[in-house]
Amino acid sequence: MSGAALILLHSAFDLSPVLVGLLGASTFLGAMADLLVLGDTMDRWGRRAIFAATIARVAGSTAANAGLSTSPGNLDSAMAKT
């Protein structure tokens, strides 16, 4: 996640510095895992096809998660329960 996005998320959701660091680190680790898993596949099938599949996966995940929280208030109350 870029620095600007982390700053906006930090202020919008009142995240602790630990959670902001976790978000940044998990983004990097996810990109590294994708490279390890999909690197050879990209060389075989082409980067454009894998990129399109990745965009479709992200869009599908976003659409599926859209119903989980309709407002930041719902997310805050869900986080308070844990």
PDB file of N, CA and C in Angstrom:
ATOM      1  N   MET A   1       0.848  -1.157   0.000  1.00  0.00           N
ATOM      2  CA  MET A   1       0.000   0.000   0.000  1.00  0.00           C
ATOM      3  C   MET A   1       0.900   1.229   0.000  1.00  0.00           C
ATOM      4  N   SER A   2       0.525   2.210  -0.768  1.00  0.00           N
ATOM      5  CA  SER A   2       1.364   3.404  -0.855  1.00  0.00           C
ATOM      6  C   SER A   2       1.243   4.242   0.415  1.00  0.00           C
ATOM      7  N   GLY A   3       2.215   5.117   0.605  1.00  0.00           N
ATOM      8  CA  GLY A   3       2.229   5.954   1.794  1.00  0.00           C
ATOM      9  C   GLY A   3       1.003   6.833   1.905  1.00  0.00           C
ATOM     10  N   ALA A   4       0.551   7.384   0.773  1.00  0.00           N
ATOM     11  CA  ALA A   4      -0.629   8.262   0.802  1.00  0.00           C
ATOM     12  C   ALA A   4      -1.870   7.482   1.229  1.00  0.00           C
ATOM     13  N   ALA A   5      -2.027   6.271   0.735  1.00  0.00           N
ATOM     14  CA  ALA A   5      -3.185   5.467   1.113  1.00  0.00           C
ATOM     15  C   ALA A   5      -3.140   5.114   2.596  1.00  0.00           C
ATOM     16  N   LEU A   6      -1.961   4.802   3.093  1.00  0.00           N
ATOM     17  CA  LEU A   6      -1.840   4.480   4.520  1.00  0.00           C
ATOM     18  C   LEU A   6      -2.175   5.676   5.397  1.00  0.00           C
ATOM     19  N   ILE A   7      -1.760   6.862   4.976  1.00  0.00           N
ATOM     20  CA  ILE A   7      -2.082   8.070   5.743  1.00  0.00           C
ATOM     21  C   ILE A   7      -3.588   8.307   5.765  1.00  0.00           C
ATOM     22  N   LEU A   8      -4.233   8.141   4.608  1.00  0.00           N
ATOM     23  CA  LEU A   8      -5.687   8.340   4.548  1.00  0.00           C
ATOM     24  C   LEU A   8      -6.428   7.299   5.364  1.00  0.00           C
ATOM     25  N   LEU A   9      -5.992   6.038   5.285  1.00  0.00           N
ATOM     26  CA  LEU A   9      -6.644   4.997   6.076  1.00  0.00           C
ATOM     27  C   LEU A   9      -6.419   5.215   7.571  1.00  0.00           C
ATOM     28  N   HIS A  10      -5.234   5.658   7.925  1.00  0.00           N
ATOM     29  CA  HIS A  10      -4.918   5.912   9.330  1.00  0.00           C
ATOM     30  C   HIS A  10      -5.865   6.956   9.925  1.00  0.00           C
ATOM     31  N   SER A  11      -6.093   8.036   9.174  1.00  0.00           N
ATOM     32  CA  SER A  11      -6.973   9.081   9.708  1.00  0.00           C
ATOM     33  C   SER A  11      -8.453   8.711   9.582  1.00  0.00           C
ATOM     34  N   ALA A  12      -8.838   8.027   8.512  1.00  0.00           N
ATOM     35  CA  ALA A  12     -10.256   7.698   8.306  1.00  0.00           C
ATOM     36  C   ALA A  12     -10.759   6.655   9.302  1.00  0.00           C
ATOM     37  N   PHE A  13      -9.916   5.679   9.635  1.00  0.00           N
ATOM     38  CA  PHE A  13     -10.356   4.593  10.511  1.00  0.00           C
ATOM     39  C   PHE A  13      -9.698   4.638  11.880  1.00  0.00           C
ATOM     40  N   ASP A  14      -8.932   5.704  12.155  1.00  0.00           N
ATOM     41  CA  ASP A  14      -8.267   5.876  13.442  1.00  0.00           C
ATOM     42  C   ASP A  14      -7.462   4.628  13.816  1.00  0.00           C
ATOM     43  N   LEU A  15      -6.607   4.204  12.896  1.00  0.00           N
ATOM     44  CA  LEU A  15      -5.800   3.004  13.090  1.00  0.00           C
ATOM     45  C   LEU A  15      -4.585   3.309  13.953  1.00  0.00           C
ATOM     46  N   SER A  16      -4.187   2.325  14.726  1.00  0.00           N
ATOM     47  CA  SER A  16      -2.980   2.468  15.530  1.00  0.00           C
ATOM     48  C   SER A  16      -1.752   2.348  14.624  1.00  0.00           C
ATOM     49  N   PRO A  17      -0.614   2.838  15.072  1.00  0.00           N
ATOM     50  CA  PRO A  17       0.602   2.693  14.267  1.00  0.00           C
ATOM     51  C   PRO A  17       0.961   1.238  13.964  1.00  0.00           C
ATOM     52  N   VAL A  18       0.620   0.340  14.881  1.00  0.00           N
ATOM     53  CA  VAL A  18       0.893  -1.083  14.652  1.00  0.00           C
ATOM     54  C   VAL A  18       0.060  -1.602  13.478  1.00  0.00           C
ATOM     55  N   LEU A  19      -1.225  -1.233  13.427  1.00  0.00           N
ATOM     56  CA  LEU A  19      -2.073  -1.677  12.326  1.00  0.00           C
ATOM     57  C   LEU A  19      -1.649  -1.055  11.002  1.00  0.00           C
ATOM     58  N   VAL A  20      -1.210   0.191  11.012  1.00  0.00           N
ATOM     59  CA  VAL A  20      -0.732   0.825   9.782  1.00  0.00           C
ATOM     60  C   VAL A  20       0.510   0.089   9.281  1.00  0.00           C
ATOM     61  N   GLY A  21       1.410  -0.264  10.183  1.00  0.00           N
ATOM     62  CA  GLY A  21       2.596  -1.028   9.801  1.00  0.00           C
ATOM     63  C   GLY A  21       2.237  -2.404   9.283  1.00  0.00           C
ATOM     64  N   LEU A  22       1.249  -3.030   9.903  1.00  0.00           N
ATOM     65  CA  LEU A  22       0.803  -4.347   9.445  1.00  0.00           C
ATOM     66  C   LEU A  22       0.207  -4.274   8.046  1.00  0.00           C
ATOM     67  N   LEU A  23      -0.571  -3.232   7.767  1.00  0.00           N
ATOM     68  CA  LEU A  23      -1.118  -3.055   6.420  1.00  0.00           C
ATOM     69  C   LEU A  23      -0.018  -2.890   5.373  1.00  0.00           C
ATOM     70  N   GLY A  24       0.953  -2.064   5.668  1.00  0.00           N
ATOM     71  CA  GLY A  24       2.046  -1.860   4.733  1.00  0.00           C
ATOM     72  C   GLY A  24       2.859  -3.120   4.509  1.00  0.00           C
ATOM     73  N   ALA A  25       3.168  -3.834   5.592  1.00  0.00           N
ATOM     74  CA  ALA A  25       3.954  -5.061   5.479  1.00  0.00           C
ATOM     75  C   ALA A  25       3.181  -6.162   4.760  1.00  0.00           C
ATOM     76  N   SER A  26       1.888  -6.282   5.027  1.00  0.00           N
ATOM     77  CA  SER A  26       1.105  -7.341   4.386  1.00  0.00           C
ATOM     78  C   SER A  26       0.964  -7.097   2.890  1.00  0.00           C
ATOM     79  N   THR A  27       0.927  -5.835   2.479  1.00  0.00           N
ATOM     80  CA  THR A  27       0.877  -5.533   1.057  1.00  0.00           C
ATOM     81  C   THR A  27       2.157  -6.001   0.375  1.00  0.00           C
ATOM     82  N   PHE A  28       3.297  -5.715   0.984  1.00  0.00           N
ATOM     83  CA  PHE A  28       4.571  -6.147   0.434  1.00  0.00           C
ATOM     84  C   PHE A  28       4.668  -7.669   0.407  1.00  0.00           C
ATOM     85  N   LEU A  29       4.293  -8.331   1.499  1.00  0.00           N
ATOM     86  CA  LEU A  29       4.375  -9.789   1.554  1.00  0.00           C
ATOM     87  C   LEU A  29       3.422 -10.446   0.557  1.00  0.00           C
ATOM     88  N   GLY A  30       2.254  -9.850   0.338  1.00  0.00           N
ATOM     89  CA  GLY A  30       1.323 -10.384  -0.656  1.00  0.00           C
ATOM     90  C   GLY A  30       1.878 -10.269  -2.065  1.00  0.00           C
ATOM     91  N   ALA A  31       2.529  -9.154  -2.362  1.00  0.00           N
ATOM     92  CA  ALA A  31       3.141  -8.996  -3.685  1.00  0.00           C
ATOM     93  C   ALA A  31       4.275 -10.000  -3.879  1.00  0.00           C
ATOM     94  N   MET A  32       5.042 -10.229  -2.827  1.00  0.00           N
ATOM     95  CA  MET A  32       6.135 -11.191  -2.918  1.00  0.00           C
ATOM     96  C   MET A  32       5.597 -12.615  -3.104  1.00  0.00           C
ATOM     97  N   ALA A  33       4.531 -12.952  -2.406  1.00  0.00           N
ATOM     98  CA  ALA A  33       3.933 -14.283  -2.552  1.00  0.00           C
ATOM     99  C   ALA A  33       3.375 -14.465  -3.960  1.00  0.00           C
ATOM    100  N   ASP A  34       2.726 -13.431  -4.510  1.00  0.00           N
ATOM    101  CA  ASP A  34       2.222 -13.515  -5.885  1.00  0.00           C
ATOM    102  C   ASP A  34       3.351 -13.732  -6.874  1.00  0.00           C
ATOM    103  N   LEU A  35       4.463 -13.055  -6.670  1.00  0.00           N
ATOM    104  CA  LEU A  35       5.604 -13.231  -7.558  1.00  0.00           C
ATOM    105  C   LEU A  35       6.116 -14.658  -7.495  1.00  0.00           C
ATOM    106  N   LEU A  36       6.238 -15.203  -6.292  1.00  0.00           N
ATOM    107  CA  LEU A  36       6.732 -16.570  -6.158  1.00  0.00           C
ATOM    108  C   LEU A  36       5.779 -17.590  -6.765  1.00  0.00           C
ATOM    109  N   VAL A  37       4.488 -17.364  -6.604  1.00  0.00           N
ATOM    110  CA  VAL A  37       3.492 -18.311  -7.097  1.00  0.00           C
ATOM    111  C   VAL A  37       3.255 -18.152  -8.598  1.00  0.00           C
ATOM    112  N   LEU A  38       3.173 -16.903  -9.057  1.00  0.00           N
ATOM    113  CA  LEU A  38       2.770 -16.660 -10.443  1.00  0.00           C
ATOM    114  C   LEU A  38       3.913 -16.300 -11.387  1.00  0.00           C
ATOM    115  N   GLY A  39       5.133 -16.224 -10.897  1.00  0.00           N
ATOM    116  CA  GLY A  39       6.249 -15.819 -11.753  1.00  0.00           C
ATOM    117  C   GLY A  39       6.431 -16.719 -12.955  1.00  0.00           C
ATOM    118  N   ASP A  40       6.496 -18.014 -12.729  1.00  0.00           N
ATOM    119  CA  ASP A  40       6.657 -18.950 -13.850  1.00  0.00           C
ATOM    120  C   ASP A  40       5.426 -18.974 -14.744  1.00  0.00           C
ATOM    121  N   THR A  41       4.257 -18.852 -14.137  1.00  0.00           N
ATOM    122  CA  THR A  41       3.019 -18.841 -14.915  1.00  0.00           C
ATOM    123  C   THR A  41       2.982 -17.632 -15.840  1.00  0.00           C
ATOM    124  N   MET A  42       3.451 -16.492 -15.350  1.00  0.00           N
ATOM    125  CA  MET A  42       3.487 -15.298 -16.190  1.00  0.00           C
ATOM    126  C   MET A  42       4.422 -15.496 -17.382  1.00  0.00           C
ATOM    127  N   ASP A  43       5.532 -16.134 -17.157  1.00  0.00           N
ATOM    128  CA  ASP A  43       6.460 -16.381 -18.255  1.00  0.00           C
ATOM    129  C   ASP A  43       5.858 -17.338 -19.278  1.00  0.00           C
ATOM    130  N   ARG A  44       5.053 -18.289 -18.827  1.00  0.00           N
ATOM    131  CA  ARG A  44       4.450 -19.267 -19.729  1.00  0.00           C
ATOM    132  C   ARG A  44       3.243 -18.710 -20.489  1.00  0.00           C
ATOM    133  N   TRP A  45       2.323 -18.066 -19.782  1.00  0.00           N
ATOM    134  CA  TRP A  45       1.065 -17.641 -20.383  1.00  0.00           C
ATOM    135  C   TRP A  45       1.067 -16.189 -20.813  1.00  0.00           C
ATOM    136  N   GLY A  46       2.024 -15.431 -20.373  1.00  0.00           N
ATOM    137  CA  GLY A  46       2.078 -14.016 -20.719  1.00  0.00           C
ATOM    138  C   GLY A  46       1.620 -13.143 -19.572  1.00  0.00           C
ATOM    139  N   ARG A  47       2.304 -12.060 -19.427  1.00  0.00           N
ATOM    140  CA  ARG A  47       2.010 -11.160 -18.315  1.00  0.00           C
ATOM    141  C   ARG A  47       0.651 -10.480 -18.459  1.00  0.00           C
ATOM    142  N   ARG A  48       0.259 -10.193 -19.684  1.00  0.00           N
ATOM    143  CA  ARG A  48      -1.023  -9.518 -19.894  1.00  0.00           C
ATOM    144  C   ARG A  48      -2.198 -10.399 -19.450  1.00  0.00           C
ATOM    145  N   ALA A  49      -2.149 -11.685 -19.784  1.00  0.00           N
ATOM    146  CA  ALA A  49      -3.239 -12.593 -19.400  1.00  0.00           C
ATOM    147  C   ALA A  49      -3.301 -12.758 -17.881  1.00  0.00           C
ATOM    148  N   ILE A  50      -2.153 -12.900 -17.247  1.00  0.00           N
ATOM    149  CA  ILE A  50      -2.136 -13.056 -15.790  1.00  0.00           C
ATOM    150  C   ILE A  50      -2.561 -11.758 -15.110  1.00  0.00           C
ATOM    151  N   PHE A  51      -2.131 -10.623 -15.667  1.00  0.00           N
ATOM    152  CA  PHE A  51      -2.545  -9.339 -15.107  1.00  0.00           C
ATOM    153  C   PHE A  51      -4.058  -9.171 -15.201  1.00  0.00           C
ATOM    154  N   ALA A  52      -4.647  -9.547 -16.326  1.00  0.00           N
ATOM    155  CA  ALA A  52      -6.104  -9.455 -16.486  1.00  0.00           C
ATOM    156  C   ALA A  52      -6.819 -10.373 -15.493  1.00  0.00           C
ATOM    157  N   ALA A  53      -6.279 -11.569 -15.283  1.00  0.00           N
ATOM    158  CA  ALA A  53      -6.880 -12.492 -14.321  1.00  0.00           C
ATOM    159  C   ALA A  53      -6.764 -11.937 -12.901  1.00  0.00           C
ATOM    160  N   THR A  54      -5.646 -11.293 -12.603  1.00  0.00           N
ATOM    161  CA  THR A  54      -5.462 -10.710 -11.274  1.00  0.00           C
ATOM    162  C   THR A  54      -6.438  -9.561 -11.044  1.00  0.00           C
ATOM    163  N   ILE A  55      -6.618  -8.716 -12.059  1.00  0.00           N
ATOM    164  CA  ILE A  55      -7.580  -7.622 -11.948  1.00  0.00           C
ATOM    165  C   ILE A  55      -8.989  -8.172 -11.736  1.00  0.00           C
ATOM    166  N   ALA A  56      -9.336  -9.229 -12.453  1.00  0.00           N
ATOM    167  CA  ALA A  56     -10.654  -9.842 -12.289  1.00  0.00           C
ATOM    168  C   ALA A  56     -10.818 -10.415 -10.881  1.00  0.00           C
ATOM    169  N   ARG A  57      -9.744 -11.016 -10.351  1.00  0.00           N
ATOM    170  CA  ARG A  57      -9.809 -11.576  -8.997  1.00  0.00           C
ATOM    171  C   ARG A  57      -9.979 -10.474  -7.958  1.00  0.00           C
ATOM    172  N   VAL A  58      -9.244  -9.390  -8.112  1.00  0.00           N
ATOM    173  CA  VAL A  58      -9.357  -8.281  -7.171  1.00  0.00           C
ATOM    174  C   VAL A  58     -10.745  -7.639  -7.251  1.00  0.00           C
ATOM    175  N   ALA A  59     -11.248  -7.464  -8.469  1.00  0.00           N
ATOM    176  CA  ALA A  59     -12.583  -6.887  -8.635  1.00  0.00           C
ATOM    177  C   ALA A  59     -13.650  -7.798  -8.021  1.00  0.00           C
ATOM    178  N   GLY A  60     -13.510  -9.088  -8.213  1.00  0.00           N
ATOM    179  CA  GLY A  60     -14.461 -10.031  -7.622  1.00  0.00           C
ATOM    180  C   GLY A  60     -14.402 -10.029  -6.111  1.00  0.00           C
ATOM    181  N   SER A  61     -13.204  -9.970  -5.556  1.00  0.00           N
ATOM    182  CA  SER A  61     -13.061  -9.922  -4.101  1.00  0.00           C
ATOM    183  C   SER A  61     -13.647  -8.640  -3.536  1.00  0.00           C
ATOM    184  N   THR A  62     -13.421  -7.537  -4.241  1.00  0.00           N
ATOM    185  CA  THR A  62     -13.966  -6.260  -3.795  1.00  0.00           C
ATOM    186  C   THR A  62     -15.488  -6.283  -3.818  1.00  0.00           C
ATOM    187  N   ALA A  63     -16.051  -6.831  -4.885  1.00  0.00           N
ATOM    188  CA  ALA A  63     -17.513  -6.919  -4.988  1.00  0.00           C
ATOM    189  C   ALA A  63     -18.088  -7.831  -3.901  1.00  0.00           C
ATOM    190  N   ALA A  64     -17.395  -8.927  -3.624  1.00  0.00           N
ATOM    191  CA  ALA A  64     -17.873  -9.857  -2.599  1.00  0.00           C
ATOM    192  C   ALA A  64     -17.804  -9.241  -1.208  1.00  0.00           C
ATOM    193  N   ASN A  65     -16.781  -8.443  -0.961  1.00  0.00           N
ATOM    194  CA  ASN A  65     -16.622  -7.827   0.354  1.00  0.00           C
ATOM    195  C   ASN A  65     -17.438  -6.556   0.527  1.00  0.00           C
ATOM    196  N   ALA A  66     -18.001  -6.046  -0.536  1.00  0.00           N
ATOM    197  CA  ALA A  66     -18.762  -4.798  -0.453  1.00  0.00           C
ATOM    198  C   ALA A  66     -19.957  -4.930   0.480  1.00  0.00           C
ATOM    199  N   GLY A  67     -20.527  -6.096   0.558  1.00  0.00           N
ATOM    200  CA  GLY A  67     -21.688  -6.297   1.421  1.00  0.00           C
ATOM    201  C   GLY A  67     -21.335  -6.463   2.890  1.00  0.00           C
ATOM    202  N   LEU A  68     -20.066  -6.675   3.209  1.00  0.00           N
ATOM    203  CA  LEU A  68     -19.691  -6.901   4.597  1.00  0.00           C
ATOM    204  C   LEU A  68     -19.727  -5.637   5.433  1.00  0.00           C
ATOM    205  N   SER A  69     -19.382  -4.525   4.824  1.00  0.00           N
ATOM    206  CA  SER A  69     -19.366  -3.266   5.560  1.00  0.00           C
ATOM    207  C   SER A  69     -19.855  -2.165   4.644  1.00  0.00           C
ATOM    208  N   THR A  70     -20.989  -1.586   4.982  1.00  0.00           N
ATOM    209  CA  THR A  70     -21.544  -0.542   4.131  1.00  0.00           C
ATOM    210  C   THR A  70     -21.116   0.844   4.570  1.00  0.00           C
ATOM    211  N   SER A  71     -20.513   0.948   5.760  1.00  0.00           N
ATOM    212  CA  SER A  71     -20.034   2.239   6.229  1.00  0.00           C
ATOM    213  C   SER A  71     -18.873   2.024   7.187  1.00  0.00           C
ATOM    214  N   PRO A  72     -18.030   3.038   7.366  1.00  0.00           N
ATOM    215  CA  PRO A  72     -16.936   2.890   8.317  1.00  0.00           C
ATOM    216  C   PRO A  72     -17.413   2.583   9.732  1.00  0.00           C
ATOM    217  N   GLY A  73     -18.598   3.011  10.102  1.00  0.00           N
ATOM    218  CA  GLY A  73     -19.134   2.716  11.421  1.00  0.00           C
ATOM    219  C   GLY A  73     -19.325   1.226  11.647  1.00  0.00           C
ATOM    220  N   ASN A  74     -19.760   0.500  10.622  1.00  0.00           N
ATOM    221  CA  ASN A  74     -19.912  -0.945  10.745  1.00  0.00           C
ATOM    222  C   ASN A  74     -18.569  -1.608  10.970  1.00  0.00           C
ATOM    223  N   LEU A  75     -17.543  -1.129  10.277  1.00  0.00           N
ATOM    224  CA  LEU A  75     -16.208  -1.697  10.436  1.00  0.00           C
ATOM    225  C   LEU A  75     -15.683  -1.440  11.843  1.00  0.00           C
ATOM    226  N   ASP A  76     -15.913  -0.229  12.359  1.00  0.00           N
ATOM    227  CA  ASP A  76     -15.456   0.090  13.713  1.00  0.00           C
ATOM    228  C   ASP A  76     -16.123  -0.800  14.751  1.00  0.00           C
ATOM    229  N   SER A  77     -17.421  -1.041  14.597  1.00  0.00           N
ATOM    230  CA  SER A  77     -18.111  -1.873  15.571  1.00  0.00           C
ATOM    231  C   SER A  77     -17.657  -3.321  15.458  1.00  0.00           C
ATOM    232  N   ALA A  78     -17.338  -3.776  14.259  1.00  0.00           N
ATOM    233  CA  ALA A  78     -16.840  -5.148  14.090  1.00  0.00           C
ATOM    234  C   ALA A  78     -15.473  -5.298  14.718  1.00  0.00           C
ATOM    235  N   MET A  79     -14.620  -4.269  14.588  1.00  0.00           N
ATOM    236  CA  MET A  79     -13.294  -4.324  15.181  1.00  0.00           C
ATOM    237  C   MET A  79     -13.364  -4.265  16.708  1.00  0.00           C
ATOM    238  N   ALA A  80     -14.359  -3.585  17.257  1.00  0.00           N
ATOM    239  CA  ALA A  80     -14.481  -3.462  18.703  1.00  0.00           C
ATOM    240  C   ALA A  80     -14.891  -4.789  19.349  1.00  0.00           C
ATOM    241  N   LYS A  81     -15.557  -5.655  18.588  1.00  0.00           N
ATOM    242  CA  LYS A  81     -16.013  -6.933  19.128  1.00  0.00           C
ATOM    243  C   LYS A  81     -14.879  -7.936  19.282  1.00  0.00           C
ATOM    244  N   THR A  82     -13.782  -7.740  18.547  1.00  0.00           N
ATOM    245  CA  THR A  82     -12.689  -8.710  18.621  1.00  0.00           C
ATOM    246  C   THR A  82     -11.748  -8.424  19.740  1.00  0.00           C
TER     247      THR A  82
END
